[in-house]
Each structure stands twice: as C-alpha cells, then as structure tokens.
Amino acid sequence: MYINIKVYLHSKGTNFLQSGSFLVTNLDFKKDPDWTAAIAAYEWIQQIKNNYAASDDFRIDQVVYNEDNDITELVRKVKPII
C-alpha cells in the first residue's frame, strides 16, 4: 500500500517542504502504522540530506503522513541499523 508523507525541514537558513508517496508493506502497516510510516520518512529524509548536502543547521520541523498523522517525534527516534 502507499502512504503520503510530508516533511517540513530546515537547512541552510531556509525552511522547505517535500512531499511524496511511498510504498509500505500492508502487514507492517497494519501492525504499527505510525512506526512503519516513521521508518519510511526517516529513510527518505536521509536521501534528502545526502542529495542536497544538508548544512549543520539541518533539522526536522514536522513529519506528517496521510494528511493528519503527525509522526515527527517518532521519526526523530528512528536509528539506523548497522
């Protein structure tokens, strides 16, 4: 299934919005929709940081999926698996 994610970010003294649609597994989403969305958002934010050479002032201001589900704090808690 697809979810819509909006991320409000800050970098290089500028606030900006990125939005997109992301494929997540139905089973994971049914078990824990917020956490599944947070992982998808975190991975996408890492791509954004790499693609746009984020500055030292980079921050995540807000993350929302499917229009009204705020997962900002969950995204901030996601840690990469090494």
N, C-alpha and C. Protein backbone atom coordinates (compact mmCIF):
# COMPACT_ATOMS: atom_id res chain seq x y z
N MET A 1 0.84 -1.18 0.00
CA MET A 1 0.00 0.00 0.00
C MET A 1 0.88 1.24 0.00
N TYR A 2 0.32 2.34 -0.44
CA TYR A 2 1.05 3.60 -0.48
C TYR A 2 0.56 4.55 0.61
N ILE A 3 1.50 5.29 1.16
CA ILE A 3 1.16 6.36 2.11
C ILE A 3 1.76 7.66 1.58
N ASN A 4 1.13 8.76 1.91
CA ASN A 4 1.62 10.07 1.52
C ASN A 4 2.33 10.69 2.72
N ILE A 5 3.54 11.18 2.47
CA ILE A 5 4.34 11.77 3.54
C ILE A 5 4.72 13.19 3.16
N LYS A 6 4.61 14.09 4.14
CA LYS A 6 5.09 15.46 4.00
C LYS A 6 6.13 15.69 5.08
N VAL A 7 7.28 16.23 4.68
CA VAL A 7 8.31 16.56 5.65
C VAL A 7 8.62 18.05 5.54
N TYR A 8 8.61 18.68 6.69
CA TYR A 8 8.95 20.10 6.79
C TYR A 8 10.34 20.15 7.41
N LEU A 9 11.30 20.66 6.63
CA LEU A 9 12.70 20.63 7.04
C LEU A 9 13.29 22.03 7.05
N HIS A 10 14.45 22.13 7.67
CA HIS A 10 15.19 23.39 7.70
C HIS A 10 16.64 23.07 7.38
N SER A 11 17.22 23.81 6.44
CA SER A 11 18.62 23.66 6.12
C SER A 11 19.11 24.91 5.42
N LYS A 12 20.33 25.27 5.70
CA LYS A 12 20.97 26.44 5.08
C LYS A 12 20.13 27.71 5.28
N GLY A 13 19.54 27.83 6.47
CA GLY A 13 18.77 29.02 6.80
C GLY A 13 17.40 29.10 6.15
N THR A 14 16.95 28.02 5.52
CA THR A 14 15.69 28.03 4.79
C THR A 14 14.79 26.89 5.25
N ASN A 15 13.50 27.18 5.39
CA ASN A 15 12.50 26.15 5.66
C ASN A 15 11.96 25.66 4.32
N PHE A 16 11.75 24.35 4.22
CA PHE A 16 11.19 23.84 2.97
C PHE A 16 10.35 22.59 3.24
N LEU A 17 9.50 22.30 2.27
CA LEU A 17 8.57 21.17 2.33
C LEU A 17 8.88 20.22 1.20
N GLN A 18 8.89 18.94 1.50
CA GLN A 18 8.98 17.89 0.49
C GLN A 18 7.81 16.96 0.75
N SER A 19 7.18 16.49 -0.31
CA SER A 19 6.09 15.53 -0.14
C SER A 19 6.20 14.45 -1.21
N GLY A 20 5.70 13.28 -0.86
CA GLY A 20 5.76 12.17 -1.80
C GLY A 20 4.91 11.01 -1.34
N SER A 21 4.80 10.03 -2.22
CA SER A 21 4.03 8.82 -1.95
C SER A 21 5.00 7.65 -1.84
N PHE A 22 4.82 6.80 -0.81
CA PHE A 22 5.78 5.74 -0.54
C PHE A 22 5.08 4.40 -0.33
N LEU A 23 5.70 3.37 -0.89
CA LEU A 23 5.18 2.02 -0.76
C LEU A 23 5.64 1.43 0.58
N VAL A 24 4.69 0.93 1.36
CA VAL A 24 4.99 0.22 2.60
C VAL A 24 4.26 -1.11 2.56
N THR A 25 4.76 -2.09 3.32
CA THR A 25 4.09 -3.39 3.32
C THR A 25 2.80 -3.33 4.14
N ASN A 26 1.78 -3.98 3.62
CA ASN A 26 0.47 -3.98 4.29
C ASN A 26 0.57 -4.56 5.70
N LEU A 27 1.30 -5.65 5.84
CA LEU A 27 1.39 -6.32 7.14
C LEU A 27 2.03 -5.41 8.19
N ASP A 28 3.14 -4.79 7.83
CA ASP A 28 3.81 -3.88 8.78
C ASP A 28 2.91 -2.70 9.12
N PHE A 29 2.24 -2.17 8.11
CA PHE A 29 1.38 -1.00 8.34
C PHE A 29 0.20 -1.35 9.24
N LYS A 30 -0.37 -2.54 9.06
CA LYS A 30 -1.49 -2.96 9.91
C LYS A 30 -1.05 -3.17 11.36
N LYS A 31 0.18 -3.68 11.54
CA LYS A 31 0.70 -3.92 12.89
C LYS A 31 0.96 -2.60 13.62
N ASP A 32 1.64 -1.67 12.94
CA ASP A 32 2.02 -0.41 13.58
C ASP A 32 2.16 0.67 12.51
N PRO A 33 1.05 1.30 12.14
CA PRO A 33 1.08 2.26 11.04
C PRO A 33 2.00 3.45 11.27
N ASP A 34 2.02 3.99 12.48
CA ASP A 34 2.86 5.15 12.75
C ASP A 34 4.34 4.82 12.63
N TRP A 35 4.77 3.70 13.21
CA TRP A 35 6.18 3.33 13.16
C TRP A 35 6.60 2.99 11.73
N THR A 36 5.75 2.30 10.99
CA THR A 36 6.05 1.97 9.59
C THR A 36 6.22 3.24 8.76
N ALA A 37 5.34 4.20 8.98
CA ALA A 37 5.45 5.48 8.28
C ALA A 37 6.70 6.23 8.72
N ALA A 38 7.04 6.17 10.00
CA ALA A 38 8.22 6.87 10.51
C ALA A 38 9.50 6.32 9.88
N ILE A 39 9.58 5.02 9.71
CA ILE A 39 10.77 4.43 9.08
C ILE A 39 10.87 4.88 7.63
N ALA A 40 9.77 4.85 6.91
CA ALA A 40 9.77 5.30 5.51
C ALA A 40 10.18 6.77 5.42
N ALA A 41 9.67 7.59 6.31
CA ALA A 41 10.00 9.02 6.33
C ALA A 41 11.47 9.23 6.67
N TYR A 42 11.97 8.51 7.65
CA TYR A 42 13.38 8.64 8.06
C TYR A 42 14.31 8.31 6.89
N GLU A 43 14.03 7.20 6.21
CA GLU A 43 14.87 6.80 5.08
C GLU A 43 14.84 7.86 3.99
N TRP A 44 13.69 8.42 3.73
CA TRP A 44 13.56 9.47 2.72
C TRP A 44 14.31 10.74 3.13
N ILE A 45 14.20 11.11 4.39
CA ILE A 45 14.90 12.30 4.89
C ILE A 45 16.41 12.11 4.75
N GLN A 46 16.91 10.90 5.00
CA GLN A 46 18.34 10.65 4.81
C GLN A 46 18.75 10.85 3.35
N GLN A 47 17.90 10.44 2.42
CA GLN A 47 18.17 10.67 0.99
C GLN A 47 18.19 12.16 0.68
N ILE A 48 17.23 12.89 1.24
CA ILE A 48 17.17 14.33 1.02
C ILE A 48 18.45 14.99 1.54
N LYS A 49 18.87 14.60 2.74
CA LYS A 49 20.09 15.17 3.32
C LYS A 49 21.29 14.91 2.42
N ASN A 50 21.40 13.71 1.89
CA ASN A 50 22.54 13.37 1.03
C ASN A 50 22.47 14.07 -0.32
N ASN A 51 21.29 14.16 -0.89
CA ASN A 51 21.13 14.77 -2.22
C ASN A 51 21.35 16.27 -2.22
N TYR A 52 20.99 16.93 -1.12
CA TYR A 52 21.06 18.38 -1.08
C TYR A 52 22.19 18.89 -0.19
N ALA A 53 23.11 18.01 0.18
CA ALA A 53 24.25 18.41 1.01
C ALA A 53 23.80 19.30 2.17
N ALA A 54 23.01 18.70 3.04
CA ALA A 54 22.44 19.44 4.18
C ALA A 54 23.53 20.12 5.00
N SER A 55 23.19 21.26 5.53
CA SER A 55 24.13 22.05 6.33
C SER A 55 24.07 21.64 7.80
N ASP A 56 24.93 22.26 8.59
CA ASP A 56 24.98 21.97 10.03
C ASP A 56 23.69 22.35 10.75
N ASP A 57 22.92 23.28 10.17
CA ASP A 57 21.68 23.69 10.82
C ASP A 57 20.48 22.85 10.39
N PHE A 58 20.73 21.70 9.72
CA PHE A 58 19.64 20.84 9.26
C PHE A 58 18.82 20.37 10.44
N ARG A 59 17.50 20.44 10.28
CA ARG A 59 16.61 19.91 11.32
C ARG A 59 15.29 19.47 10.70
N ILE A 60 14.64 18.58 11.40
CA ILE A 60 13.30 18.11 11.01
C ILE A 60 12.31 18.91 11.84
N ASP A 61 11.48 19.71 11.18
CA ASP A 61 10.49 20.51 11.90
C ASP A 61 9.19 19.75 12.11
N GLN A 62 8.73 19.04 11.07
CA GLN A 62 7.48 18.28 11.21
C GLN A 62 7.42 17.21 10.14
N VAL A 63 6.83 16.06 10.49
CA VAL A 63 6.60 14.97 9.55
C VAL A 63 5.16 14.50 9.73
N VAL A 64 4.43 14.45 8.63
CA VAL A 64 3.02 14.06 8.65
C VAL A 64 2.79 13.03 7.56
N TYR A 65 1.99 12.01 7.86
CA TYR A 65 1.60 11.08 6.78
C TYR A 65 0.08 11.03 6.68
N ASN A 66 -0.36 10.77 5.47
CA ASN A 66 -1.79 10.70 5.14
C ASN A 66 -2.56 11.89 5.70
N GLU A 67 -1.98 13.06 5.52
CA GLU A 67 -2.57 14.37 5.81
C GLU A 67 -2.66 14.78 7.27
N ASP A 68 -2.98 13.87 8.19
CA ASP A 68 -3.24 14.35 9.55
C ASP A 68 -2.59 13.51 10.66
N ASN A 69 -1.63 12.67 10.31
CA ASN A 69 -0.97 11.85 11.32
C ASN A 69 0.44 12.37 11.55
N ASP A 70 0.63 13.10 12.62
CA ASP A 70 1.92 13.71 12.93
C ASP A 70 2.82 12.66 13.58
N ILE A 71 3.94 12.37 12.93
CA ILE A 71 4.89 11.36 13.43
C ILE A 71 6.28 11.97 13.65
N THR A 72 6.33 13.25 13.85
CA THR A 72 7.60 13.96 13.99
C THR A 72 8.49 13.33 15.07
N GLU A 73 7.96 13.13 16.25
CA GLU A 73 8.77 12.59 17.34
C GLU A 73 9.23 11.17 17.07
N LEU A 74 8.38 10.37 16.44
CA LEU A 74 8.79 9.00 16.10
C LEU A 74 9.93 9.01 15.10
N VAL A 75 9.87 9.86 14.10
CA VAL A 75 10.93 9.94 13.10
C VAL A 75 12.25 10.31 13.76
N ARG A 76 12.19 11.22 14.71
CA ARG A 76 13.41 11.63 15.42
C ARG A 76 14.01 10.50 16.25
N LYS A 77 13.19 9.50 16.60
CA LYS A 77 13.66 8.36 17.40
C LYS A 77 14.21 7.21 16.56
N VAL A 78 13.97 7.22 15.25
CA VAL A 78 14.46 6.13 14.39
C VAL A 78 15.98 6.18 14.36
N LYS A 79 16.58 5.04 14.52
CA LYS A 79 18.04 4.91 14.46
C LYS A 79 18.39 3.91 13.37
N PRO A 80 19.46 4.17 12.62
CA PRO A 80 19.84 3.24 11.56
C PRO A 80 20.33 1.91 12.15
N ILE A 81 20.09 0.85 11.42
CA ILE A 81 20.58 -0.48 11.82
C ILE A 81 21.93 -0.67 11.13
N ILE A 82 22.93 -0.94 11.93
CA ILE A 82 24.29 -1.09 11.38
C ILE A 82 24.67 -2.55 11.36
